[in-house]
Amino acid sequence: MFGELIRKHITLSPNQVNDFVKAATKCDFDVDIYYNRYVVDAKSILGVFGLDLTKPLTVEYRGYDQGFEQYLKGLAVQA
């Protein structure tokens, strides 16, 4: 069964996309990233580069990976 849906709001610069995709790829569950209605697979470097990186993005997934959680903390949008 799937776990609880987790949503995190982050910002990404073009220089951070490669590391973000590498971190998402290590997860054994699906990870999506989106802005407005445009949703892409977070494990796709071309998909992530297709997003508007000047805006806050939402990462959505069901699962847990400690390394990925730590990585996302560093990208979190400051409230």
PDB file of N, CA and C in Angstrom:
ATOM      1  N   MET A   1       0.845  -1.183   0.000  1.00  0.00           N
ATOM      2  CA  MET A   1       0.000   0.000   0.000  1.00  0.00           C
ATOM      3  C   MET A   1       0.887   1.243   0.000  1.00  0.00           C
ATOM      4  N   PHE A   2       0.354   2.320  -0.511  1.00  0.00           N
ATOM      5  CA  PHE A   2       1.121   3.564  -0.571  1.00  0.00           C
ATOM      6  C   PHE A   2       1.110   4.256   0.779  1.00  0.00           C
ATOM      7  N   GLY A   3       2.188   4.990   1.053  1.00  0.00           N
ATOM      8  CA  GLY A   3       2.264   5.763   2.274  1.00  0.00           C
ATOM      9  C   GLY A   3       1.541   7.083   2.117  1.00  0.00           C
ATOM     10  N   GLU A   4       1.672   7.897   3.133  1.00  0.00           N
ATOM     11  CA  GLU A   4       1.054   9.223   3.131  1.00  0.00           C
ATOM     12  C   GLU A   4       1.699  10.105   2.070  1.00  0.00           C
ATOM     13  N   LEU A   5       0.868  10.894   1.394  1.00  0.00           N
ATOM     14  CA  LEU A   5       1.373  11.826   0.383  1.00  0.00           C
ATOM     15  C   LEU A   5       2.111  12.962   1.078  1.00  0.00           C
ATOM     16  N   ILE A   6       3.339  13.194   0.658  1.00  0.00           N
ATOM     17  CA  ILE A   6       4.171  14.246   1.245  1.00  0.00           C
ATOM     18  C   ILE A   6       4.405  15.310   0.189  1.00  0.00           C
ATOM     19  N   ARG A   7       4.239  16.570   0.589  1.00  0.00           N
ATOM     20  CA  ARG A   7       4.495  17.708  -0.300  1.00  0.00           C
ATOM     21  C   ARG A   7       5.486  18.641   0.383  1.00  0.00           C
ATOM     22  N   LYS A   8       6.507  19.013  -0.363  1.00  0.00           N
ATOM     23  CA  LYS A   8       7.503  19.974   0.133  1.00  0.00           C
ATOM     24  C   LYS A   8       7.660  21.070  -0.903  1.00  0.00           C
ATOM     25  N   HIS A   9       7.802  22.290  -0.437  1.00  0.00           N
ATOM     26  CA  HIS A   9       7.994  23.440  -1.325  1.00  0.00           C
ATOM     27  C   HIS A   9       9.476  23.814  -1.305  1.00  0.00           C
ATOM     28  N   ILE A  10      10.034  23.883  -2.510  1.00  0.00           N
ATOM     29  CA  ILE A  10      11.474  24.144  -2.638  1.00  0.00           C
ATOM     30  C   ILE A  10      11.739  25.192  -3.720  1.00  0.00           C
ATOM     31  N   THR A  11      12.961  25.669  -3.747  1.00  0.00           N
ATOM     32  CA  THR A  11      13.440  26.466  -4.867  1.00  0.00           C
ATOM     33  C   THR A  11      14.679  25.755  -5.408  1.00  0.00           C
ATOM     34  N   LEU A  12      14.840  25.817  -6.719  1.00  0.00           N
ATOM     35  CA  LEU A  12      15.980  25.191  -7.388  1.00  0.00           C
ATOM     36  C   LEU A  12      16.606  26.189  -8.343  1.00  0.00           C
ATOM     37  N   SER A  13      17.916  26.264  -8.330  1.00  0.00           N
ATOM     38  CA  SER A  13      18.611  27.039  -9.346  1.00  0.00           C
ATOM     39  C   SER A  13      19.033  26.059 -10.441  1.00  0.00           C
ATOM     40  N   PRO A  14      19.330  26.549 -11.631  1.00  0.00           N
ATOM     41  CA  PRO A  14      19.807  25.641 -12.678  1.00  0.00           C
ATOM     42  C   PRO A  14      21.016  24.814 -12.246  1.00  0.00           C
ATOM     43  N   ASN A  15      21.875  25.385 -11.415  1.00  0.00           N
ATOM     44  CA  ASN A  15      23.068  24.671 -10.943  1.00  0.00           C
ATOM     45  C   ASN A  15      22.736  23.531  -9.985  1.00  0.00           C
ATOM     46  N   GLN A  16      21.543  23.552  -9.395  1.00  0.00           N
ATOM     47  CA  GLN A  16      21.150  22.526  -8.419  1.00  0.00           C
ATOM     48  C   GLN A  16      20.349  21.383  -9.039  1.00  0.00           C
ATOM     49  N   VAL A  17      19.928  21.527 -10.283  1.00  0.00           N
ATOM     50  CA  VAL A  17      19.038  20.528 -10.896  1.00  0.00           C
ATOM     51  C   VAL A  17      19.687  19.150 -10.951  1.00  0.00           C
ATOM     52  N   ASN A  18      20.932  19.069 -11.373  1.00  0.00           N
ATOM     53  CA  ASN A  18      21.592  17.773 -11.492  1.00  0.00           C
ATOM     54  C   ASN A  18      21.641  17.040 -10.150  1.00  0.00           C
ATOM     55  N   ASP A  19      22.012  17.738  -9.084  1.00  0.00           N
ATOM     56  CA  ASP A  19      22.075  17.117  -7.756  1.00  0.00           C
ATOM     57  C   ASP A  19      20.682  16.723  -7.270  1.00  0.00           C
ATOM     58  N   PHE A  20      19.684  17.557  -7.564  1.00  0.00           N
ATOM     59  CA  PHE A  20      18.311  17.223  -7.171  1.00  0.00           C
ATOM     60  C   PHE A  20      17.855  15.933  -7.855  1.00  0.00           C
ATOM     61  N   VAL A  21      18.084  15.831  -9.158  1.00  0.00           N
ATOM     62  CA  VAL A  21      17.677  14.630  -9.905  1.00  0.00           C
ATOM     63  C   VAL A  21      18.424  13.403  -9.379  1.00  0.00           C
ATOM     64  N   LYS A  22      19.701  13.536  -9.082  1.00  0.00           N
ATOM     65  CA  LYS A  22      20.470  12.414  -8.518  1.00  0.00           C
ATOM     66  C   LYS A  22      19.872  11.969  -7.184  1.00  0.00           C
ATOM     67  N   ALA A  23      19.507  12.931  -6.331  1.00  0.00           N
ATOM     68  CA  ALA A  23      18.917  12.592  -5.025  1.00  0.00           C
ATOM     69  C   ALA A  23      17.568  11.897  -5.207  1.00  0.00           C
ATOM     70  N   ALA A  24      16.752  12.387  -6.133  1.00  0.00           N
ATOM     71  CA  ALA A  24      15.431  11.782  -6.379  1.00  0.00           C
ATOM     72  C   ALA A  24      15.576  10.378  -6.955  1.00  0.00           C
ATOM     73  N   THR A  25      16.569  10.181  -7.805  1.00  0.00           N
ATOM     74  CA  THR A  25      16.780   8.884  -8.451  1.00  0.00           C
ATOM     75  C   THR A  25      17.141   7.798  -7.436  1.00  0.00           C
ATOM     76  N   LYS A  26      17.740   8.170  -6.333  1.00  0.00           N
ATOM     77  CA  LYS A  26      18.104   7.196  -5.293  1.00  0.00           C
ATOM     78  C   LYS A  26      16.887   6.679  -4.532  1.00  0.00           C
ATOM     79  N   CYS A  27      15.755   7.352  -4.659  1.00  0.00           N
ATOM     80  CA  CYS A  27      14.530   6.935  -3.963  1.00  0.00           C
ATOM     81  C   CYS A  27      13.899   5.755  -4.698  1.00  0.00           C
ATOM     82  N   ASP A  28      13.378   4.794  -3.942  1.00  0.00           N
ATOM     83  CA  ASP A  28      12.746   3.627  -4.561  1.00  0.00           C
ATOM     84  C   ASP A  28      11.238   3.818  -4.709  1.00  0.00           C
ATOM     85  N   PHE A  29      10.815   5.061  -4.766  1.00  0.00           N
ATOM     86  CA  PHE A  29       9.409   5.418  -4.960  1.00  0.00           C
ATOM     87  C   PHE A  29       9.350   6.571  -5.955  1.00  0.00           C
ATOM     88  N   ASP A  30       8.159   6.814  -6.496  1.00  0.00           N
ATOM     89  CA  ASP A  30       7.985   7.899  -7.466  1.00  0.00           C
ATOM     90  C   ASP A  30       8.102   9.245  -6.779  1.00  0.00           C
ATOM     91  N   VAL A  31       8.746  10.174  -7.462  1.00  0.00           N
ATOM     92  CA  VAL A  31       8.875  11.550  -6.981  1.00  0.00           C
ATOM     93  C   VAL A  31       8.470  12.459  -8.133  1.00  0.00           C
ATOM     94  N   ASP A  32       7.502  13.322  -7.884  1.00  0.00           N
ATOM     95  CA  ASP A  32       7.076  14.299  -8.886  1.00  0.00           C
ATOM     96  C   ASP A  32       7.448  15.683  -8.412  1.00  0.00           C
ATOM     97  N   ILE A  33       7.658  16.567  -9.357  1.00  0.00           N
ATOM     98  CA  ILE A  33       7.906  17.971  -9.043  1.00  0.00           C
ATOM     99  C   ILE A  33       7.055  18.796  -9.984  1.00  0.00           C
ATOM    100  N   TYR A  34       6.452  19.847  -9.443  1.00  0.00           N
ATOM    101  CA  TYR A  34       5.577  20.635 -10.298  1.00  0.00           C
ATOM    102  C   TYR A  34       5.525  22.106  -9.915  1.00  0.00           C
ATOM    103  N   TYR A  35       5.068  22.853 -10.904  1.00  0.00           N
ATOM    104  CA  TYR A  35       4.755  24.267 -10.733  1.00  0.00           C
ATOM    105  C   TYR A  35       3.423  24.481 -11.432  1.00  0.00           C
ATOM    106  N   ASN A  36       2.463  25.022 -10.710  1.00  0.00           N
ATOM    107  CA  ASN A  36       1.085  25.155 -11.212  1.00  0.00           C
ATOM    108  C   ASN A  36       0.589  23.783 -11.658  1.00  0.00           C
ATOM    109  N   ARG A  37       0.192  23.644 -12.901  1.00  0.00           N
ATOM    110  CA  ARG A  37      -0.348  22.364 -13.376  1.00  0.00           C
ATOM    111  C   ARG A  37       0.651  21.538 -14.172  1.00  0.00           C
ATOM    112  N   TYR A  38       1.863  21.995 -14.284  1.00  0.00           N
ATOM    113  CA  TYR A  38       2.884  21.295 -15.053  1.00  0.00           C
ATOM    114  C   TYR A  38       3.645  20.352 -14.118  1.00  0.00           C
ATOM    115  N   VAL A  39       3.378  19.048 -14.249  1.00  0.00           N
ATOM    116  CA  VAL A  39       3.974  18.033 -13.376  1.00  0.00           C
ATOM    117  C   VAL A  39       4.972  17.208 -14.182  1.00  0.00           C
ATOM    118  N   VAL A  40       6.154  16.995 -13.611  1.00  0.00           N
ATOM    119  CA  VAL A  40       7.157  16.157 -14.270  1.00  0.00           C
ATOM    120  C   VAL A  40       7.737  15.162 -13.270  1.00  0.00           C
ATOM    121  N   ASP A  41       8.344  14.124 -13.806  1.00  0.00           N
ATOM    122  CA  ASP A  41       9.050  13.136 -13.007  1.00  0.00           C
ATOM    123  C   ASP A  41      10.330  13.788 -12.482  1.00  0.00           C
ATOM    124  N   ALA A  42      10.500  13.806 -11.173  1.00  0.00           N
ATOM    125  CA  ALA A  42      11.672  14.449 -10.579  1.00  0.00           C
ATOM    126  C   ALA A  42      12.966  13.706 -10.895  1.00  0.00           C
ATOM    127  N   LYS A  43      12.854  12.515 -11.463  1.00  0.00           N
ATOM    128  CA  LYS A  43      14.043  11.747 -11.827  1.00  0.00           C
ATOM    129  C   LYS A  43      14.468  12.023 -13.273  1.00  0.00           C
ATOM    130  N   SER A  44      13.801  12.972 -13.926  1.00  0.00           N
ATOM    131  CA  SER A  44      14.091  13.339 -15.306  1.00  0.00           C
ATOM    132  C   SER A  44      14.751  14.715 -15.346  1.00  0.00           C
ATOM    133  N   ILE A  45      16.020  14.745 -15.715  1.00  0.00           N
ATOM    134  CA  ILE A  45      16.736  16.023 -15.741  1.00  0.00           C
ATOM    135  C   ILE A  45      16.112  16.976 -16.771  1.00  0.00           C
ATOM    136  N   LEU A  46      15.719  16.452 -17.925  1.00  0.00           N
ATOM    137  CA  LEU A  46      15.089  17.314 -18.933  1.00  0.00           C
ATOM    138  C   LEU A  46      13.745  17.829 -18.447  1.00  0.00           C
ATOM    139  N   GLY A  47      12.998  16.980 -17.768  1.00  0.00           N
ATOM    140  CA  GLY A  47      11.702  17.400 -17.237  1.00  0.00           C
ATOM    141  C   GLY A  47      11.855  18.518 -16.223  1.00  0.00           C
ATOM    142  N   VAL A  48      12.798  18.368 -15.309  1.00  0.00           N
ATOM    143  CA  VAL A  48      13.004  19.393 -14.277  1.00  0.00           C
ATOM    144  C   VAL A  48      13.482  20.694 -14.913  1.00  0.00           C
ATOM    145  N   PHE A  49      14.373  20.611 -15.897  1.00  0.00           N
ATOM    146  CA  PHE A  49      14.823  21.832 -16.572  1.00  0.00           C
ATOM    147  C   PHE A  49      13.681  22.503 -17.337  1.00  0.00           C
ATOM    148  N   GLY A  50      12.623  21.770 -17.646  1.00  0.00           N
ATOM    149  CA  GLY A  50      11.466  22.339 -18.335  1.00  0.00           C
ATOM    150  C   GLY A  50      10.579  23.186 -17.448  1.00  0.00           C
ATOM    151  N   LEU A  51      10.805  23.112 -16.142  1.00  0.00           N
ATOM    152  CA  LEU A  51      10.009  23.901 -15.200  1.00  0.00           C
ATOM    153  C   LEU A  51      10.560  25.324 -15.096  1.00  0.00           C
ATOM    154  N   ASP A  52       9.725  26.228 -14.621  1.00  0.00           N
ATOM    155  CA  ASP A  52      10.151  27.611 -14.384  1.00  0.00           C
ATOM    156  C   ASP A  52      10.927  27.647 -13.072  1.00  0.00           C
ATOM    157  N   LEU A  53      12.237  27.652 -13.158  1.00  0.00           N
ATOM    158  CA  LEU A  53      13.083  27.591 -11.965  1.00  0.00           C
ATOM    159  C   LEU A  53      13.165  28.917 -11.221  1.00  0.00           C
ATOM    160  N   THR A  54      12.494  29.946 -11.713  1.00  0.00           N
ATOM    161  CA  THR A  54      12.473  31.219 -10.999  1.00  0.00           C
ATOM    162  C   THR A  54      11.353  31.248  -9.963  1.00  0.00           C
ATOM    163  N   LYS A  55      10.515  30.221  -9.939  1.00  0.00           N
ATOM    164  CA  LYS A  55       9.362  30.150  -9.029  1.00  0.00           C
ATOM    165  C   LYS A  55       9.549  29.023  -8.018  1.00  0.00           C
ATOM    166  N   PRO A  56       8.890  29.123  -6.858  1.00  0.00           N
ATOM    167  CA  PRO A  56       8.904  27.986  -5.921  1.00  0.00           C
ATOM    168  C   PRO A  56       8.228  26.770  -6.565  1.00  0.00           C
ATOM    169  N   LEU A  57       8.786  25.604  -6.321  1.00  0.00           N
ATOM    170  CA  LEU A  57       8.282  24.352  -6.888  1.00  0.00           C
ATOM    171  C   LEU A  57       7.775  23.455  -5.763  1.00  0.00           C
ATOM    172  N   THR A  58       6.913  22.524  -6.108  1.00  0.00           N
ATOM    173  CA  THR A  58       6.392  21.570  -5.134  1.00  0.00           C
ATOM    174  C   THR A  58       6.879  20.177  -5.496  1.00  0.00           C
ATOM    175  N   VAL A  59       7.457  19.495  -4.511  1.00  0.00           N
ATOM    176  CA  VAL A  59       7.885  18.106  -4.669  1.00  0.00           C
ATOM    177  C   VAL A  59       6.843  17.248  -3.965  1.00  0.00           C
ATOM    178  N   GLU A  60       6.404  16.191  -4.635  1.00  0.00           N
ATOM    179  CA  GLU A  60       5.342  15.346  -4.096  1.00  0.00           C
ATOM    180  C   GLU A  60       5.758  13.883  -4.223  1.00  0.00           C
ATOM    181  N   TYR A  61       5.581  13.124  -3.149  1.00  0.00           N
ATOM    182  CA  TYR A  61       5.977  11.715  -3.157  1.00  0.00           C
ATOM    183  C   TYR A  61       5.305  10.970  -2.008  1.00  0.00           C
ATOM    184  N   ARG A  62       5.342   9.655  -2.124  1.00  0.00           N
ATOM    185  CA  ARG A  62       4.840   8.764  -1.074  1.00  0.00           C
ATOM    186  C   ARG A  62       5.960   7.780  -0.768  1.00  0.00           C
ATOM    187  N   GLY A  63       6.608   7.971   0.338  1.00  0.00           N
ATOM    188  CA  GLY A  63       7.717   7.105   0.707  1.00  0.00           C
ATOM    189  C   GLY A  63       8.661   7.873   1.616  1.00  0.00           C
ATOM    190  N   TYR A  64       9.721   7.196   2.037  1.00  0.00           N
ATOM    191  CA  TYR A  64      10.683   7.851   2.919  1.00  0.00           C
ATOM    192  C   TYR A  64      12.096   7.411   2.540  1.00  0.00           C
ATOM    193  N   ASP A  65      12.955   8.391   2.395  1.00  0.00           N
ATOM    194  CA  ASP A  65      14.374   8.171   2.191  1.00  0.00           C
ATOM    195  C   ASP A  65      15.096   9.262   2.980  1.00  0.00           C
ATOM    196  N   GLN A  66      15.844   8.864   3.991  1.00  0.00           N
ATOM    197  CA  GLN A  66      16.473   9.838   4.883  1.00  0.00           C
ATOM    198  C   GLN A  66      17.380  10.814   4.142  1.00  0.00           C
ATOM    199  N   GLY A  67      18.164  10.319   3.194  1.00  0.00           N
ATOM    200  CA  GLY A  67      19.054  11.195   2.436  1.00  0.00           C
ATOM    201  C   GLY A  67      18.284  12.226   1.626  1.00  0.00           C
ATOM    202  N   PHE A  68      17.179  11.795   1.014  1.00  0.00           N
ATOM    203  CA  PHE A  68      16.353  12.710   0.223  1.00  0.00           C
ATOM    204  C   PHE A  68      15.708  13.762   1.117  1.00  0.00           C
ATOM    205  N   GLU A  69      15.228  13.340   2.287  1.00  0.00           N
ATOM    206  CA  GLU A  69      14.622  14.297   3.234  1.00  0.00           C
ATOM    207  C   GLU A  69      15.641  15.359   3.644  1.00  0.00           C
ATOM    208  N   GLN A  70      16.862  14.938   3.946  1.00  0.00           N
ATOM    209  CA  GLN A  70      17.913  15.880   4.334  1.00  0.00           C
ATOM    210  C   GLN A  70      18.229  16.828   3.190  1.00  0.00           C
ATOM    211  N   TYR A  71      18.303  16.292   1.979  1.00  0.00           N
ATOM    212  CA  TYR A  71      18.601  17.126   0.816  1.00  0.00           C
ATOM    213  C   TYR A  71      17.522  18.185   0.621  1.00  0.00           C
ATOM    214  N   LEU A  72      16.245  17.778   0.739  1.00  0.00           N
ATOM    215  CA  LEU A  72      15.150  18.723   0.548  1.00  0.00           C
ATOM    216  C   LEU A  72      15.147  19.833   1.598  1.00  0.00           C
ATOM    217  N   LYS A  73      15.593  19.541   2.795  1.00  0.00           N
ATOM    218  CA  LYS A  73      15.661  20.579   3.851  1.00  0.00           C
ATOM    219  C   LYS A  73      16.511  21.753   3.395  1.00  0.00           C
ATOM    220  N   GLY A  74      17.574  21.460   2.664  1.00  0.00           N
ATOM    221  CA  GLY A  74      18.464  22.513   2.192  1.00  0.00           C
ATOM    222  C   GLY A  74      17.865  23.351   1.067  1.00  0.00           C
ATOM    223  N   LEU A  75      16.833  22.839   0.433  1.00  0.00           N
ATOM    224  CA  LEU A  75      16.187  23.553  -0.671  1.00  0.00           C
ATOM    225  C   LEU A  75      14.856  24.185  -0.283  1.00  0.00           C
ATOM    226  N   ALA A  76      14.432  23.965   0.954  1.00  0.00           N
ATOM    227  CA  ALA A  76      13.110  24.395   1.406  1.00  0.00           C
ATOM    228  C   ALA A  76      12.905  25.891   1.227  1.00  0.00           C
ATOM    229  N   VAL A  77      11.695  26.244   0.822  1.00  0.00           N
ATOM    230  CA  VAL A  77      11.312  27.652   0.699  1.00  0.00           C
ATOM    231  C   VAL A  77      11.171  28.213   2.097  1.00  0.00           C
ATOM    232  N   GLN A  78      11.788  29.347   2.315  1.00  0.00           N
ATOM    233  CA  GLN A  78      11.702  29.989   3.636  1.00  0.00           C
ATOM    234  C   GLN A  78      10.367  30.708   3.758  1.00  0.00           C
ATOM    235  N   ALA A  79       9.628  30.389   4.803  1.00  0.00           N
ATOM    236  CA  ALA A  79       8.294  30.982   5.008  1.00  0.00           C
ATOM    237  C   ALA A  79       8.386  32.335   5.674  1.00  0.00           C
TER     238      ALA A  79
END
